[in-house]
Amino acid sequence: MKKYNICICGGGNISHALAGMLSKREHTINILTGQPDKWNYQITTNINTSTKKSTFISHLNKISVNPKIVLKNIDIVIIASPIMAYDDILNNIKSYLRPNMILISIPGRLFINSIQKNNIKNNIITFLRTPYICLINEYGKSVNINGFIHDKINY
């Protein structure tokens, strides 16, 4: 499996779950957040579903409020934030986007409006639903995943 350099923009439940799950798959994970001092460079992911129970620790590469630091050499940018934050995040990162970067939004509702407003030309992927039912256990340190969008995927 190809390994990607991924930057997750946001600090909510989905950002925590994505950081843990994608890092477990050995992708390099950077975090763009307004609260970098509250994040550890290790995140504990607790999976507690009806079909799977496990706990693992994943490692994060860079954590910053500065997009210049976390977007260097990135292949994929995932914006996992409330819809009302899209414009601010895109405005903050657009000067650091390269044409070959892929932008993903979770959730994807109204993301295209923000893309057009900010005149961004990157390839776009949007998810209408979040991939996990999850809740931060301790901000920047651990997350509990209690369900997956699809139980048949090998996590």
C-alpha atoms as a PDB file:
ATOM      1  CA  MET A   1       0.000   0.000   0.000  1.00  0.00           C
ATOM      2  CA  LYS A   2       1.275   3.444  -0.893  1.00  0.00           C
ATOM      3  CA  LYS A   3       2.047   5.730   2.054  1.00  0.00           C
ATOM      4  CA  TYR A   4       0.858   9.336   1.880  1.00  0.00           C
ATOM      5  CA  ASN A   5       1.785  12.559   3.633  1.00  0.00           C
ATOM      6  CA  ILE A   6      -1.522  13.828   5.002  1.00  0.00           C
ATOM      7  CA  CYS A   7      -2.461  17.045   6.762  1.00  0.00           C
ATOM      8  CA  ILE A   8      -5.670  17.033   8.793  1.00  0.00           C
ATOM      9  CA  CYS A   9      -7.184  20.484   9.335  1.00  0.00           C
ATOM     10  CA  GLY A  10      -9.310  20.601  12.459  1.00  0.00           C
ATOM     11  CA  GLY A  11      -9.287  19.400  16.020  1.00  0.00           C
ATOM     12  CA  GLY A  12     -12.663  17.773  16.571  1.00  0.00           C
ATOM     13  CA  ASN A  13     -13.830  14.195  17.009  1.00  0.00           C
ATOM     14  CA  ILE A  14     -13.338  13.178  13.372  1.00  0.00           C
ATOM     15  CA  SER A  15      -9.873  14.787  13.202  1.00  0.00           C
ATOM     16  CA  HIS A  16      -8.769  12.772  16.230  1.00  0.00           C
ATOM     17  CA  ALA A  17     -10.158   9.517  14.784  1.00  0.00           C
ATOM     18  CA  LEU A  18      -8.630  10.154  11.353  1.00  0.00           C
ATOM     19  CA  ALA A  19      -5.255  10.986  12.916  1.00  0.00           C
ATOM     20  CA  GLY A  20      -5.213   7.699  14.792  1.00  0.00           C
ATOM     21  CA  MET A  21      -6.560   5.468  12.034  1.00  0.00           C
ATOM     22  CA  LEU A  22      -4.475   6.937   9.186  1.00  0.00           C
ATOM     23  CA  SER A  23      -1.301   6.952  11.240  1.00  0.00           C
ATOM     24  CA  LYS A  24      -1.930   3.296  12.105  1.00  0.00           C
ATOM     25  CA  ARG A  25      -1.827   2.622   8.353  1.00  0.00           C
ATOM     26  CA  GLU A  26       1.662   4.213   8.408  1.00  0.00           C
ATOM     27  CA  HIS A  27       0.733   7.401   6.602  1.00  0.00           C
ATOM     28  CA  THR A  28       2.593  10.500   7.806  1.00  0.00           C
ATOM     29  CA  ILE A  29       0.093  12.708   9.635  1.00  0.00           C
ATOM     30  CA  ASN A  30       0.352  16.448  10.290  1.00  0.00           C
ATOM     31  CA  ILE A  31      -2.310  18.393  12.175  1.00  0.00           C
ATOM     32  CA  LEU A  32      -3.351  21.996  11.484  1.00  0.00           C
ATOM     33  CA  THR A  33      -5.216  23.191  14.560  1.00  0.00           C
ATOM     34  CA  GLY A  34      -5.912  26.351  16.497  1.00  0.00           C
ATOM     35  CA  GLN A  35      -4.809  24.566  19.672  1.00  0.00           C
ATOM     36  CA  PRO A  36      -1.490  22.863  18.858  1.00  0.00           C
ATOM     37  CA  ASP A  37      -0.256  23.106  22.468  1.00  0.00           C
ATOM     38  CA  LYS A  38      -3.053  20.744  23.573  1.00  0.00           C
ATOM     39  CA  TRP A  39      -2.017  17.932  21.199  1.00  0.00           C
ATOM     40  CA  ASN A  40       0.439  15.117  21.921  1.00  0.00           C
ATOM     41  CA  TYR A  41       2.588  13.607  19.218  1.00  0.00           C
ATOM     42  CA  GLN A  42       1.048  10.268  20.184  1.00  0.00           C
ATOM     43  CA  ILE A  43      -2.667   9.621  20.005  1.00  0.00           C
ATOM     44  CA  THR A  44      -4.417   6.657  21.581  1.00  0.00           C
ATOM     45  CA  THR A  45      -7.308   5.208  19.597  1.00  0.00           C
ATOM     46  CA  ASN A  46      -9.798   2.982  21.400  1.00  0.00           C
ATOM     47  CA  ILE A  47     -12.056   0.955  19.118  1.00  0.00           C
ATOM     48  CA  ASN A  48     -15.098  -0.418  20.902  1.00  0.00           C
ATOM     49  CA  THR A  49     -17.674  -1.737  18.452  1.00  0.00           C
ATOM     50  CA  SER A  50     -19.888  -4.809  18.503  1.00  0.00           C
ATOM     51  CA  THR A  51     -17.434  -6.621  16.183  1.00  0.00           C
ATOM     52  CA  LYS A  52     -14.044  -5.253  17.236  1.00  0.00           C
ATOM     53  CA  LYS A  53     -12.301  -4.096  20.379  1.00  0.00           C
ATOM     54  CA  SER A  54      -8.744  -2.790  20.312  1.00  0.00           C
ATOM     55  CA  THR A  55      -6.510  -0.002  21.506  1.00  0.00           C
ATOM     56  CA  PHE A  56      -3.424   1.308  19.762  1.00  0.00           C
ATOM     57  CA  ILE A  57      -1.099   4.281  19.885  1.00  0.00           C
ATOM     58  CA  SER A  58      -0.298   6.192  16.696  1.00  0.00           C
ATOM     59  CA  HIS A  59       2.364   8.796  16.075  1.00  0.00           C
ATOM     60  CA  LEU A  60       1.852  12.246  14.598  1.00  0.00           C
ATOM     61  CA  ASN A  61       4.534  14.040  12.610  1.00  0.00           C
ATOM     62  CA  LYS A  62       3.858  17.801  12.950  1.00  0.00           C
ATOM     63  CA  ILE A  63       1.240  19.815  14.813  1.00  0.00           C
ATOM     64  CA  SER A  64       0.881  23.549  14.282  1.00  0.00           C
ATOM     65  CA  VAL A  65      -1.386  26.532  13.830  1.00  0.00           C
ATOM     66  CA  ASN A  66       0.903  27.579  10.954  1.00  0.00           C
ATOM     67  CA  PRO A  67      -0.066  26.062   7.570  1.00  0.00           C
ATOM     68  CA  LYS A  68       3.418  26.699   6.186  1.00  0.00           C
ATOM     69  CA  ILE A  69       4.807  24.179   8.694  1.00  0.00           C
ATOM     70  CA  VAL A  70       2.238  21.391   8.288  1.00  0.00           C
ATOM     71  CA  LEU A  71       1.509  21.627   4.541  1.00  0.00           C
ATOM     72  CA  LYS A  72       5.089  21.220   3.325  1.00  0.00           C
ATOM     73  CA  ASN A  73       5.449  18.027   1.224  1.00  0.00           C
ATOM     74  CA  ILE A  74       1.807  17.022   1.756  1.00  0.00           C
ATOM     75  CA  ASP A  75      -0.074  14.822  -0.740  1.00  0.00           C
ATOM     76  CA  ILE A  76      -3.553  15.011   0.787  1.00  0.00           C
ATOM     77  CA  VAL A  77      -5.270  17.713   2.847  1.00  0.00           C
ATOM     78  CA  ILE A  78      -8.307  16.596   4.849  1.00  0.00           C
ATOM     79  CA  ILE A  79     -10.546  19.327   6.181  1.00  0.00           C
ATOM     80  CA  ALA A  80     -12.541  17.819   9.022  1.00  0.00           C
ATOM     81  CA  SER A  81     -14.357  20.770  10.485  1.00  0.00           C
ATOM     82  CA  PRO A  82     -17.789  22.311  10.834  1.00  0.00           C
ATOM     83  CA  ILE A  83     -19.154  23.770   7.606  1.00  0.00           C
ATOM     84  CA  MET A  84     -18.935  27.306   8.993  1.00  0.00           C
ATOM     85  CA  ALA A  85     -15.129  26.969   9.291  1.00  0.00           C
ATOM     86  CA  TYR A  86     -14.503  26.021   5.620  1.00  0.00           C
ATOM     87  CA  ASP A  87     -13.921  29.550   4.344  1.00  0.00           C
ATOM     88  CA  ASP A  88     -11.507  30.464   7.152  1.00  0.00           C
ATOM     89  CA  ILE A  89      -9.512  27.241   6.754  1.00  0.00           C
ATOM     90  CA  LEU A  90      -9.341  27.505   2.958  1.00  0.00           C
ATOM     91  CA  ASN A  91      -8.362  31.159   3.138  1.00  0.00           C
ATOM     92  CA  ASN A  92      -5.627  30.221   5.631  1.00  0.00           C
ATOM     93  CA  ILE A  93      -4.167  27.359   3.567  1.00  0.00           C
ATOM     94  CA  LYS A  94      -4.752  28.344  -0.087  1.00  0.00           C
ATOM     95  CA  SER A  95      -1.354  29.999  -0.623  1.00  0.00           C
ATOM     96  CA  TYR A  96       0.347  26.735   0.471  1.00  0.00           C
ATOM     97  CA  LEU A  97      -1.635  24.395  -1.773  1.00  0.00           C
ATOM     98  CA  ARG A  98       0.154  22.840  -4.732  1.00  0.00           C
ATOM     99  CA  PRO A  99      -1.826  21.825  -7.851  1.00  0.00           C
ATOM    100  CA  ASN A 100      -1.199  18.093  -7.297  1.00  0.00           C
ATOM    101  CA  MET A 101      -2.527  18.069  -3.696  1.00  0.00           C
ATOM    102  CA  ILE A 102      -5.887  16.395  -3.164  1.00  0.00           C
ATOM    103  CA  LEU A 103      -8.401  18.168  -0.909  1.00  0.00           C
ATOM    104  CA  ILE A 104     -10.892  16.069   1.045  1.00  0.00           C
ATOM    105  CA  SER A 105     -13.713  17.475   3.145  1.00  0.00           C
ATOM    106  CA  ILE A 106     -15.596  15.664   5.876  1.00  0.00           C
ATOM    107  CA  PRO A 107     -18.452  16.489   5.895  1.00  0.00           C
ATOM    108  CA  GLY A 108     -18.629  17.598   2.282  1.00  0.00           C
ATOM    109  CA  ARG A 109     -21.887  19.495   2.337  1.00  0.00           C
ATOM    110  CA  LEU A 110     -21.401  23.000   0.908  1.00  0.00           C
ATOM    111  CA  PHE A 111     -17.630  22.479   0.515  1.00  0.00           C
ATOM    112  CA  ILE A 112     -17.804  23.211  -3.211  1.00  0.00           C
ATOM    113  CA  ASN A 113     -19.230  26.668  -2.426  1.00  0.00           C
ATOM    114  CA  SER A 114     -16.146  27.459  -0.324  1.00  0.00           C
ATOM    115  CA  ILE A 115     -13.819  26.026  -2.987  1.00  0.00           C
ATOM    116  CA  GLN A 116     -15.348  28.255  -5.657  1.00  0.00           C
ATOM    117  CA  LYS A 117     -15.372  31.322  -3.405  1.00  0.00           C
ATOM    118  CA  ASN A 118     -11.664  30.834  -2.630  1.00  0.00           C
ATOM    119  CA  ASN A 119     -10.810  30.090  -6.304  1.00  0.00           C
ATOM    120  CA  ILE A 120      -9.116  26.777  -5.484  1.00  0.00           C
ATOM    121  CA  LYS A 121      -8.402  24.463  -8.428  1.00  0.00           C
ATOM    122  CA  ASN A 122      -7.190  21.288  -6.667  1.00  0.00           C
ATOM    123  CA  ASN A 123      -8.808  17.876  -7.079  1.00  0.00           C
ATOM    124  CA  ILE A 124     -11.637  17.615  -4.567  1.00  0.00           C
ATOM    125  CA  ILE A 125     -13.195  14.650  -2.751  1.00  0.00           C
ATOM    126  CA  THR A 126     -16.133  15.158  -0.397  1.00  0.00           C
ATOM    127  CA  PHE A 127     -17.798  12.777   2.043  1.00  0.00           C
ATOM    128  CA  LEU A 128     -21.377  13.524   2.998  1.00  0.00           C
ATOM    129  CA  ARG A 129     -21.114  11.367   6.095  1.00  0.00           C
ATOM    130  CA  THR A 130     -18.357  10.916   8.615  1.00  0.00           C
ATOM    131  CA  PRO A 131     -16.500   7.579   8.497  1.00  0.00           C
ATOM    132  CA  TYR A 132     -16.663   7.026  12.275  1.00  0.00           C
ATOM    133  CA  ILE A 133     -18.966   7.340  15.217  1.00  0.00           C
ATOM    134  CA  CYS A 134     -16.433   8.720  17.629  1.00  0.00           C
ATOM    135  CA  LEU A 135     -15.828  10.959  20.591  1.00  0.00           C
ATOM    136  CA  ILE A 136     -12.695  12.607  21.915  1.00  0.00           C
ATOM    137  CA  ASN A 137     -11.681  10.951  25.164  1.00  0.00           C
ATOM    138  CA  GLU A 138      -8.965  13.490  26.015  1.00  0.00           C
ATOM    139  CA  TYR A 139      -8.358  16.408  23.633  1.00  0.00           C
ATOM    140  CA  GLY A 140      -5.218  15.942  21.528  1.00  0.00           C
ATOM    141  CA  LYS A 141      -4.418  12.662  23.248  1.00  0.00           C
ATOM    142  CA  SER A 142      -7.096  10.000  22.785  1.00  0.00           C
ATOM    143  CA  VAL A 143     -10.286   9.173  20.927  1.00  0.00           C
ATOM    144  CA  ASN A 144     -12.958   6.497  21.233  1.00  0.00           C
ATOM    145  CA  ILE A 145     -14.384   4.996  18.040  1.00  0.00           C
ATOM    146  CA  ASN A 146     -17.715   3.283  18.683  1.00  0.00           C
ATOM    147  CA  GLY A 147     -18.770   2.610  15.113  1.00  0.00           C
ATOM    148  CA  PHE A 148     -17.697   2.635  11.486  1.00  0.00           C
ATOM    149  CA  ILE A 149     -19.649   3.742   8.442  1.00  0.00           C
ATOM    150  CA  HIS A 150     -19.139   0.231   7.058  1.00  0.00           C
ATOM    151  CA  ASP A 151     -18.500  -2.774   9.320  1.00  0.00           C
ATOM    152  CA  LYS A 152     -17.016  -4.946   6.533  1.00  0.00           C
ATOM    153  CA  ILE A 153     -13.904  -2.797   5.972  1.00  0.00           C
ATOM    154  CA  ASN A 154     -10.734  -4.137   7.600  1.00  0.00           C
ATOM    155  CA  TYR A 155      -9.676  -1.428  10.019  1.00  0.00           C
END
